[in-house]
Amino acid sequence: MSIAYLGLGSNMGKRLNYLKHAVKLLQAEETITIENLSAVYETAPVGGPDQGPYLNACVAVSTELSATRLLLKLLDLENLIGRVREVRWGPRVIDLDLLVYENIIMNTPLLELPHPRMCERDFVLIPMADIAPNLLIPGCNKSVYELITRHDLTGNIKLYLSRDWEV
């Protein structure tokens, strides 16, 4: 079994319901086990067209799937939930990102690990610190905690729900 870290996000409609739906679908997968789940944070959008605020969370999973197969499963789950890709970096009902998979560093047309720019983004680092503050990010060689304490947080993130939100 391998350990992977996922980012969850939604900024359309009933955002929390979409995050809960994603967690339920992940729990239903025989090849994926949820090990830990962060609190939910509300964050300002970064880049892209004008859009509303996001709800973001991170989840640690164990899986027998390879990194590429896990990404393909996440894309399937996004489609099942109703994600439509119309505008790059545009609003979305759900976003399921593979952030880190073991200590793998890779860059293929389908998958880049660790996820690009995750080491700079509060909406990833803050929820990730809830579940894996000591995780060393491959290629960056800094822990999540070190990354948070060594860069200026934007202040565009606030706690939305505590860690028992998926119930």
N, C-alpha and C. Protein backbone atom coordinates (compact mmCIF):
# COMPACT_ATOMS: atom_id res chain seq x y z
N MET A 1 0.84 -1.19 0.00
CA MET A 1 0.00 0.00 0.00
C MET A 1 0.88 1.25 0.00
N SER A 2 0.45 2.24 -0.75
CA SER A 2 1.16 3.51 -0.83
C SER A 2 0.32 4.59 -0.18
N ILE A 3 1.00 5.62 0.31
CA ILE A 3 0.33 6.76 0.92
C ILE A 3 0.34 7.93 -0.07
N ALA A 4 -0.82 8.54 -0.22
CA ALA A 4 -0.96 9.69 -1.10
C ALA A 4 -1.74 10.77 -0.38
N TYR A 5 -1.55 12.00 -0.81
CA TYR A 5 -2.25 13.14 -0.24
C TYR A 5 -3.02 13.83 -1.36
N LEU A 6 -4.29 14.09 -1.08
CA LEU A 6 -5.18 14.67 -2.06
C LEU A 6 -5.67 16.03 -1.60
N GLY A 7 -5.90 16.92 -2.55
CA GLY A 7 -6.54 18.19 -2.27
C GLY A 7 -7.96 18.15 -2.82
N LEU A 8 -8.90 18.66 -2.04
CA LEU A 8 -10.30 18.73 -2.44
C LEU A 8 -10.71 20.19 -2.46
N GLY A 9 -11.46 20.59 -3.48
CA GLY A 9 -11.91 21.97 -3.56
C GLY A 9 -13.23 22.08 -4.29
N SER A 10 -14.01 23.10 -3.92
CA SER A 10 -15.28 23.39 -4.59
C SER A 10 -15.60 24.86 -4.41
N ASN A 11 -16.09 25.49 -5.49
CA ASN A 11 -16.54 26.88 -5.34
C ASN A 11 -17.83 27.18 -6.10
N MET A 12 -18.61 26.14 -6.34
CA MET A 12 -19.89 26.33 -7.01
C MET A 12 -20.99 25.62 -6.23
N GLY A 13 -22.15 26.22 -6.20
CA GLY A 13 -23.31 25.57 -5.60
C GLY A 13 -23.11 25.28 -4.12
N LYS A 14 -23.58 24.12 -3.71
CA LYS A 14 -23.47 23.69 -2.31
C LYS A 14 -22.10 23.07 -2.10
N ARG A 15 -21.13 23.95 -1.91
CA ARG A 15 -19.72 23.55 -1.89
C ARG A 15 -19.43 22.44 -0.89
N LEU A 16 -19.92 22.56 0.33
CA LEU A 16 -19.65 21.54 1.34
C LEU A 16 -20.25 20.20 0.94
N ASN A 17 -21.43 20.22 0.35
CA ASN A 17 -22.05 18.96 -0.09
C ASN A 17 -21.19 18.26 -1.15
N TYR A 18 -20.58 19.05 -2.04
CA TYR A 18 -19.70 18.44 -3.05
C TYR A 18 -18.47 17.81 -2.41
N LEU A 19 -17.91 18.48 -1.39
CA LEU A 19 -16.76 17.90 -0.70
C LEU A 19 -17.17 16.61 0.02
N LYS A 20 -18.31 16.63 0.68
CA LYS A 20 -18.79 15.44 1.38
C LYS A 20 -19.05 14.29 0.39
N HIS A 21 -19.62 14.62 -0.75
CA HIS A 21 -19.88 13.61 -1.77
C HIS A 21 -18.57 12.98 -2.23
N ALA A 22 -17.56 13.80 -2.45
CA ALA A 22 -16.25 13.29 -2.87
C ALA A 22 -15.67 12.35 -1.82
N VAL A 23 -15.77 12.71 -0.55
CA VAL A 23 -15.24 11.86 0.52
C VAL A 23 -16.00 10.53 0.56
N LYS A 24 -17.31 10.58 0.41
CA LYS A 24 -18.11 9.33 0.40
C LYS A 24 -17.71 8.43 -0.77
N LEU A 25 -17.49 9.02 -1.92
CA LEU A 25 -17.06 8.23 -3.08
C LEU A 25 -15.67 7.64 -2.86
N LEU A 26 -14.78 8.40 -2.27
CA LEU A 26 -13.45 7.87 -1.96
C LEU A 26 -13.56 6.71 -0.97
N GLN A 27 -14.41 6.87 0.05
CA GLN A 27 -14.60 5.81 1.04
C GLN A 27 -15.16 4.55 0.42
N ALA A 28 -15.94 4.69 -0.63
CA ALA A 28 -16.57 3.54 -1.27
C ALA A 28 -15.62 2.77 -2.18
N GLU A 29 -14.49 3.36 -2.51
CA GLU A 29 -13.53 2.70 -3.39
C GLU A 29 -12.79 1.58 -2.65
N GLU A 30 -12.80 0.39 -3.22
CA GLU A 30 -12.12 -0.75 -2.58
C GLU A 30 -10.61 -0.58 -2.56
N THR A 31 -10.07 0.16 -3.49
CA THR A 31 -8.62 0.29 -3.62
C THR A 31 -8.07 1.53 -2.90
N ILE A 32 -8.94 2.26 -2.18
CA ILE A 32 -8.54 3.48 -1.49
C ILE A 32 -9.08 3.45 -0.07
N THR A 33 -8.23 3.78 0.90
CA THR A 33 -8.66 3.90 2.29
C THR A 33 -8.29 5.29 2.78
N ILE A 34 -9.27 6.00 3.31
CA ILE A 34 -9.00 7.32 3.88
C ILE A 34 -8.33 7.12 5.24
N GLU A 35 -7.17 7.74 5.40
CA GLU A 35 -6.41 7.63 6.64
C GLU A 35 -6.57 8.86 7.53
N ASN A 36 -6.76 10.02 6.93
CA ASN A 36 -6.86 11.25 7.70
C ASN A 36 -7.50 12.33 6.84
N LEU A 37 -8.22 13.23 7.48
CA LEU A 37 -8.95 14.28 6.77
C LEU A 37 -8.79 15.59 7.52
N SER A 38 -8.45 16.63 6.79
CA SER A 38 -8.24 17.95 7.40
C SER A 38 -9.57 18.63 7.70
N ALA A 39 -9.46 19.76 8.35
CA ALA A 39 -10.60 20.67 8.48
C ALA A 39 -10.88 21.25 7.09
N VAL A 40 -12.00 21.96 6.98
CA VAL A 40 -12.35 22.65 5.73
C VAL A 40 -12.06 24.13 5.91
N TYR A 41 -11.44 24.70 4.89
CA TYR A 41 -11.08 26.12 4.91
C TYR A 41 -11.74 26.83 3.74
N GLU A 42 -12.13 28.07 3.97
CA GLU A 42 -12.64 28.89 2.88
C GLU A 42 -11.49 29.77 2.39
N THR A 43 -11.30 29.78 1.09
CA THR A 43 -10.15 30.47 0.52
C THR A 43 -10.56 31.30 -0.69
N ALA A 44 -9.81 32.36 -0.90
CA ALA A 44 -10.01 33.18 -2.09
C ALA A 44 -9.45 32.43 -3.29
N PRO A 45 -10.07 32.56 -4.46
CA PRO A 45 -9.53 31.91 -5.65
C PRO A 45 -8.17 32.48 -6.03
N VAL A 46 -7.34 31.62 -6.63
CA VAL A 46 -6.00 32.02 -7.08
C VAL A 46 -5.95 31.86 -8.59
N GLY A 47 -5.74 32.95 -9.30
CA GLY A 47 -5.65 32.88 -10.76
C GLY A 47 -6.99 32.62 -11.40
N GLY A 48 -6.98 32.53 -12.70
CA GLY A 48 -8.20 32.22 -13.44
C GLY A 48 -9.16 33.39 -13.52
N PRO A 49 -10.35 33.12 -14.07
CA PRO A 49 -11.36 34.18 -14.21
C PRO A 49 -11.97 34.55 -12.86
N ASP A 50 -12.72 35.63 -12.85
CA ASP A 50 -13.42 36.06 -11.65
C ASP A 50 -14.36 34.95 -11.19
N GLN A 51 -14.29 34.58 -9.91
CA GLN A 51 -15.11 33.49 -9.38
C GLN A 51 -15.21 33.61 -7.88
N GLY A 52 -16.13 32.84 -7.32
CA GLY A 52 -16.38 32.88 -5.89
C GLY A 52 -15.34 32.12 -5.08
N PRO A 53 -15.42 32.25 -3.75
CA PRO A 53 -14.46 31.60 -2.86
C PRO A 53 -14.62 30.07 -2.87
N TYR A 54 -13.53 29.42 -2.55
CA TYR A 54 -13.48 27.96 -2.50
C TYR A 54 -13.62 27.45 -1.08
N LEU A 55 -14.10 26.24 -0.96
CA LEU A 55 -13.88 25.44 0.24
C LEU A 55 -12.82 24.43 -0.14
N ASN A 56 -11.79 24.30 0.72
CA ASN A 56 -10.69 23.40 0.46
C ASN A 56 -10.43 22.50 1.67
N ALA A 57 -9.98 21.30 1.39
CA ALA A 57 -9.57 20.34 2.42
C ALA A 57 -8.50 19.44 1.82
N CYS A 58 -7.81 18.71 2.68
CA CYS A 58 -6.85 17.70 2.23
C CYS A 58 -7.18 16.37 2.90
N VAL A 59 -6.83 15.31 2.21
CA VAL A 59 -7.07 13.96 2.74
C VAL A 59 -5.85 13.10 2.47
N ALA A 60 -5.49 12.30 3.46
CA ALA A 60 -4.44 11.30 3.30
C ALA A 60 -5.12 9.97 3.03
N VAL A 61 -4.63 9.26 2.02
CA VAL A 61 -5.20 7.96 1.68
C VAL A 61 -4.09 6.93 1.56
N SER A 62 -4.45 5.68 1.81
CA SER A 62 -3.58 4.57 1.43
C SER A 62 -4.26 3.89 0.25
N THR A 63 -3.44 3.41 -0.67
CA THR A 63 -4.01 2.85 -1.89
C THR A 63 -3.07 1.80 -2.48
N GLU A 64 -3.67 0.87 -3.20
CA GLU A 64 -2.87 -0.09 -3.97
C GLU A 64 -2.71 0.38 -5.41
N LEU A 65 -3.36 1.48 -5.75
CA LEU A 65 -3.26 2.03 -7.10
C LEU A 65 -1.93 2.74 -7.30
N SER A 66 -1.40 2.70 -8.51
CA SER A 66 -0.23 3.51 -8.85
C SER A 66 -0.66 4.97 -8.85
N ALA A 67 0.32 5.86 -8.89
CA ALA A 67 0.01 7.29 -8.91
C ALA A 67 -0.86 7.65 -10.12
N THR A 68 -0.51 7.13 -11.29
CA THR A 68 -1.28 7.44 -12.50
C THR A 68 -2.69 6.88 -12.41
N ARG A 69 -2.82 5.66 -11.94
CA ARG A 69 -4.17 5.07 -11.81
C ARG A 69 -5.00 5.80 -10.76
N LEU A 70 -4.36 6.26 -9.70
CA LEU A 70 -5.08 7.04 -8.69
C LEU A 70 -5.58 8.35 -9.30
N LEU A 71 -4.74 9.03 -10.06
CA LEU A 71 -5.18 10.25 -10.73
C LEU A 71 -6.36 9.97 -11.65
N LEU A 72 -6.29 8.91 -12.43
CA LEU A 72 -7.40 8.57 -13.33
C LEU A 72 -8.68 8.29 -12.54
N LYS A 73 -8.56 7.65 -11.38
CA LYS A 73 -9.72 7.40 -10.52
C LYS A 73 -10.28 8.73 -10.02
N LEU A 74 -9.42 9.67 -9.64
CA LEU A 74 -9.89 10.98 -9.18
C LEU A 74 -10.62 11.73 -10.29
N LEU A 75 -10.11 11.64 -11.50
CA LEU A 75 -10.78 12.29 -12.64
C LEU A 75 -12.15 11.65 -12.89
N ASP A 76 -12.24 10.33 -12.75
CA ASP A 76 -13.54 9.64 -12.88
C ASP A 76 -14.52 10.13 -11.82
N LEU A 77 -14.03 10.27 -10.58
CA LEU A 77 -14.90 10.72 -9.50
C LEU A 77 -15.36 12.16 -9.73
N GLU A 78 -14.46 13.01 -10.24
CA GLU A 78 -14.87 14.38 -10.57
C GLU A 78 -16.00 14.37 -11.60
N ASN A 79 -15.86 13.55 -12.62
CA ASN A 79 -16.91 13.45 -13.64
C ASN A 79 -18.21 12.95 -13.05
N LEU A 80 -18.12 11.96 -12.18
CA LEU A 80 -19.31 11.39 -11.54
C LEU A 80 -20.04 12.45 -10.70
N ILE A 81 -19.28 13.30 -10.04
CA ILE A 81 -19.87 14.35 -9.21
C ILE A 81 -20.46 15.47 -10.06
N GLY A 82 -19.98 15.62 -11.29
CA GLY A 82 -20.56 16.61 -12.18
C GLY A 82 -19.62 17.72 -12.62
N ARG A 83 -18.33 17.52 -12.47
CA ARG A 83 -17.40 18.56 -12.92
C ARG A 83 -17.42 18.67 -14.44
N VAL A 84 -17.50 19.89 -14.89
CA VAL A 84 -17.43 20.19 -16.32
C VAL A 84 -16.24 21.12 -16.51
N ARG A 85 -15.35 20.75 -17.41
CA ARG A 85 -14.15 21.56 -17.66
C ARG A 85 -14.39 22.46 -18.87
N GLU A 86 -14.78 23.72 -18.58
CA GLU A 86 -15.04 24.67 -19.65
C GLU A 86 -13.95 25.71 -19.77
N VAL A 87 -13.52 26.24 -18.63
CA VAL A 87 -12.53 27.31 -18.59
C VAL A 87 -11.38 26.86 -17.69
N ARG A 88 -10.15 26.94 -18.21
CA ARG A 88 -9.01 26.56 -17.39
C ARG A 88 -8.95 27.44 -16.15
N TRP A 89 -8.77 26.80 -15.00
CA TRP A 89 -8.71 27.45 -13.70
C TRP A 89 -10.01 28.18 -13.36
N GLY A 90 -11.09 27.76 -14.02
CA GLY A 90 -12.38 28.39 -13.77
C GLY A 90 -13.09 27.75 -12.58
N PRO A 91 -14.28 28.24 -12.27
CA PRO A 91 -15.06 27.69 -11.16
C PRO A 91 -15.38 26.22 -11.40
N ARG A 92 -15.56 25.50 -10.31
CA ARG A 92 -15.84 24.06 -10.44
C ARG A 92 -16.62 23.55 -9.24
N VAL A 93 -17.47 22.57 -9.50
CA VAL A 93 -18.22 21.96 -8.40
C VAL A 93 -17.30 21.11 -7.54
N ILE A 94 -16.29 20.51 -8.15
CA ILE A 94 -15.33 19.70 -7.40
C ILE A 94 -13.99 19.70 -8.12
N ASP A 95 -12.96 19.68 -7.32
CA ASP A 95 -11.59 19.55 -7.82
C ASP A 95 -10.90 18.55 -6.91
N LEU A 96 -10.42 17.46 -7.47
CA LEU A 96 -9.70 16.45 -6.71
C LEU A 96 -8.29 16.38 -7.27
N ASP A 97 -7.32 16.86 -6.50
CA ASP A 97 -5.94 16.91 -6.96
C ASP A 97 -5.09 15.88 -6.23
N LEU A 98 -4.25 15.19 -6.97
CA LEU A 98 -3.23 14.34 -6.38
C LEU A 98 -2.04 15.24 -6.09
N LEU A 99 -1.78 15.48 -4.81
CA LEU A 99 -0.74 16.43 -4.40
C LEU A 99 0.62 15.76 -4.25
N VAL A 100 0.64 14.67 -3.49
CA VAL A 100 1.87 13.94 -3.19
C VAL A 100 1.55 12.46 -3.21
N TYR A 101 2.43 11.68 -3.80
CA TYR A 101 2.30 10.22 -3.80
C TYR A 101 3.64 9.64 -3.38
N GLU A 102 3.68 9.13 -2.14
CA GLU A 102 4.93 8.63 -1.58
C GLU A 102 6.01 9.69 -1.76
N ASN A 103 7.20 9.28 -2.19
CA ASN A 103 8.30 10.23 -2.43
C ASN A 103 8.55 10.43 -3.91
N ILE A 104 7.55 10.17 -4.71
CA ILE A 104 7.72 10.18 -6.16
C ILE A 104 7.76 11.61 -6.70
N ILE A 105 8.73 11.83 -7.57
CA ILE A 105 8.81 13.06 -8.36
C ILE A 105 8.65 12.62 -9.80
N MET A 106 7.67 13.16 -10.48
CA MET A 106 7.47 12.81 -11.89
C MET A 106 6.83 13.96 -12.64
N ASN A 107 7.05 13.95 -13.94
CA ASN A 107 6.45 14.97 -14.79
C ASN A 107 6.14 14.32 -16.13
N THR A 108 4.88 13.95 -16.30
CA THR A 108 4.41 13.36 -17.55
C THR A 108 3.31 14.26 -18.10
N PRO A 109 2.87 14.03 -19.34
CA PRO A 109 1.77 14.84 -19.86
C PRO A 109 0.49 14.73 -19.00
N LEU A 110 0.33 13.63 -18.28
CA LEU A 110 -0.88 13.42 -17.47
C LEU A 110 -0.71 13.86 -16.02
N LEU A 111 0.49 13.69 -15.48
CA LEU A 111 0.65 13.86 -14.04
C LEU A 111 2.00 14.47 -13.69
N GLU A 112 1.94 15.49 -12.82
CA GLU A 112 3.16 16.07 -12.26
C GLU A 112 3.10 15.92 -10.75
N LEU A 113 4.15 15.32 -10.19
CA LEU A 113 4.25 15.12 -8.74
C LEU A 113 5.58 15.67 -8.25
N PRO A 114 5.57 16.34 -7.07
CA PRO A 114 4.36 16.76 -6.38
C PRO A 114 3.58 17.76 -7.24
N HIS A 115 2.35 18.00 -6.83
CA HIS A 115 1.49 18.90 -7.61
C HIS A 115 2.17 20.26 -7.77
N PRO A 116 2.15 20.80 -8.99
CA PRO A 116 2.83 22.09 -9.23
C PRO A 116 2.32 23.21 -8.32
N ARG A 117 3.19 23.97 -7.82
CA ARG A 117 2.92 25.15 -7.00
C ARG A 117 2.30 24.87 -5.64
N MET A 118 2.17 23.59 -5.27
CA MET A 118 1.54 23.31 -3.97
C MET A 118 2.34 23.89 -2.82
N CYS A 119 3.65 24.00 -2.98
CA CYS A 119 4.50 24.50 -1.91
C CYS A 119 4.35 26.00 -1.69
N GLU A 120 3.61 26.67 -2.57
CA GLU A 120 3.41 28.11 -2.47
C GLU A 120 1.97 28.47 -2.10
N ARG A 121 1.09 27.49 -2.05
CA ARG A 121 -0.33 27.80 -1.95
C ARG A 121 -0.90 27.52 -0.56
N ASP A 122 -1.35 28.59 0.07
CA ASP A 122 -1.94 28.47 1.40
C ASP A 122 -3.11 27.49 1.42
N PHE A 123 -3.92 27.50 0.36
CA PHE A 123 -5.12 26.66 0.35
C PHE A 123 -4.78 25.17 0.29
N VAL A 124 -3.52 24.84 0.01
CA VAL A 124 -3.04 23.46 0.09
C VAL A 124 -2.29 23.26 1.41
N LEU A 125 -1.37 24.16 1.72
CA LEU A 125 -0.50 23.97 2.88
C LEU A 125 -1.22 23.98 4.21
N ILE A 126 -2.18 24.87 4.38
CA ILE A 126 -2.87 24.97 5.68
C ILE A 126 -3.67 23.70 5.98
N PRO A 127 -4.52 23.22 5.05
CA PRO A 127 -5.20 21.96 5.36
C PRO A 127 -4.24 20.76 5.43
N MET A 128 -3.18 20.79 4.63
CA MET A 128 -2.20 19.70 4.68
C MET A 128 -1.53 19.66 6.05
N ALA A 129 -1.30 20.82 6.65
CA ALA A 129 -0.68 20.86 7.98
C ALA A 129 -1.57 20.20 9.04
N ASP A 130 -2.88 20.17 8.82
CA ASP A 130 -3.78 19.48 9.75
C ASP A 130 -3.48 17.99 9.82
N ILE A 131 -3.11 17.41 8.68
CA ILE A 131 -2.99 15.95 8.61
C ILE A 131 -1.56 15.45 8.47
N ALA A 132 -0.63 16.31 8.02
CA ALA A 132 0.74 15.85 7.79
C ALA A 132 1.74 16.99 7.92
N PRO A 133 1.83 17.64 9.09
CA PRO A 133 2.72 18.79 9.22
C PRO A 133 4.20 18.45 8.99
N ASN A 134 4.58 17.22 9.28
CA ASN A 134 5.98 16.82 9.15
C ASN A 134 6.31 16.16 7.82
N LEU A 135 5.34 16.08 6.93
CA LEU A 135 5.57 15.47 5.62
C LEU A 135 6.59 16.29 4.84
N LEU A 136 7.65 15.63 4.37
CA LEU A 136 8.62 16.27 3.50
C LEU A 136 8.09 16.22 2.08
N ILE A 137 7.98 17.37 1.45
CA ILE A 137 7.48 17.43 0.08
C ILE A 137 8.62 17.06 -0.86
N PRO A 138 8.44 16.01 -1.66
CA PRO A 138 9.51 15.58 -2.57
C PRO A 138 9.95 16.71 -3.49
N GLY A 139 11.25 16.81 -3.67
CA GLY A 139 11.80 17.84 -4.55
C GLY A 139 11.96 19.18 -3.87
N CYS A 140 11.15 19.45 -2.89
CA CYS A 140 11.21 20.71 -2.15
C CYS A 140 12.10 20.52 -0.91
N ASN A 141 12.08 19.29 -0.38
CA ASN A 141 12.89 18.90 0.78
C ASN A 141 12.63 19.77 2.01
N LYS A 142 11.42 20.23 2.11
CA LYS A 142 10.96 20.95 3.30
C LYS A 142 9.66 20.31 3.75
N SER A 143 9.43 20.35 5.05
CA SER A 143 8.17 19.82 5.56
C SER A 143 7.05 20.83 5.31
N VAL A 144 5.83 20.36 5.40
CA VAL A 144 4.67 21.24 5.26
C VAL A 144 4.78 22.37 6.29
N TYR A 145 5.12 22.01 7.52
CA TYR A 145 5.24 23.01 8.57
C TYR A 145 6.31 24.06 8.23
N GLU A 146 7.47 23.60 7.74
CA GLU A 146 8.53 24.54 7.36
C GLU A 146 8.06 25.48 6.25
N LEU A 147 7.33 24.94 5.29
CA LEU A 147 6.84 25.76 4.19
C LEU A 147 5.89 26.84 4.68
N ILE A 148 5.03 26.48 5.62
CA ILE A 148 4.07 27.45 6.16
C ILE A 148 4.80 28.54 6.93
N THR A 149 5.78 28.16 7.72
CA THR A 149 6.46 29.15 8.57
C THR A 149 7.49 29.97 7.82
N ARG A 150 7.87 29.54 6.61
CA ARG A 150 8.90 30.26 5.87
C ARG A 150 8.37 31.14 4.75
N HIS A 151 7.07 31.16 4.56
CA HIS A 151 6.57 32.12 3.57
C HIS A 151 5.42 32.92 4.16
N ASP A 152 5.20 34.07 3.58
CA ASP A 152 4.15 34.96 4.08
C ASP A 152 2.80 34.41 3.67
N LEU A 153 1.98 34.10 4.66
CA LEU A 153 0.62 33.65 4.36
C LEU A 153 -0.19 34.85 3.88
N THR A 154 -1.08 34.61 2.94
CA THR A 154 -1.82 35.71 2.33
C THR A 154 -2.94 36.24 3.22
N GLY A 155 -3.40 35.45 4.15
CA GLY A 155 -4.53 35.86 4.96
C GLY A 155 -5.86 35.62 4.27
N ASN A 156 -5.81 35.05 3.06
CA ASN A 156 -7.03 34.78 2.29
C ASN A 156 -7.57 33.39 2.57
N ILE A 157 -7.38 32.89 3.79
CA ILE A 157 -7.86 31.57 4.15
C ILE A 157 -8.38 31.63 5.58
N LYS A 158 -9.55 31.02 5.79
CA LYS A 158 -10.10 30.99 7.15
C LYS A 158 -10.76 29.65 7.40
N LEU A 159 -10.72 29.23 8.65
CA LEU A 159 -11.34 27.97 9.04
C LEU A 159 -12.84 28.05 8.78
N TYR A 160 -13.37 27.05 8.10
CA TYR A 160 -14.80 26.99 7.77
C TYR A 160 -15.49 25.95 8.64
N LEU A 161 -14.91 24.75 8.75
CA LEU A 161 -15.44 23.68 9.60
C LEU A 161 -14.30 22.87 10.19
N SER A 162 -14.48 22.42 11.43
CA SER A 162 -13.46 21.61 12.09
C SER A 162 -13.32 20.24 11.42
N ARG A 163 -12.42 19.44 11.90
CA ARG A 163 -12.05 18.19 11.26
C ARG A 163 -13.14 17.11 11.30
N ASP A 164 -14.24 17.32 11.94
CA ASP A 164 -15.29 16.30 11.97
C ASP A 164 -16.42 16.61 10.98
N TRP A 165 -16.12 17.35 9.94
CA TRP A 165 -17.11 17.82 8.98
C TRP A 165 -17.70 16.73 8.09
N GLU A 166 -16.98 15.65 7.87
CA GLU A 166 -17.45 14.64 6.92
C GLU A 166 -18.57 13.77 7.49
N VAL A 167 -18.83 13.90 8.78
CA VAL A 167 -19.88 13.08 9.40
C VAL A 167 -21.25 13.52 8.96
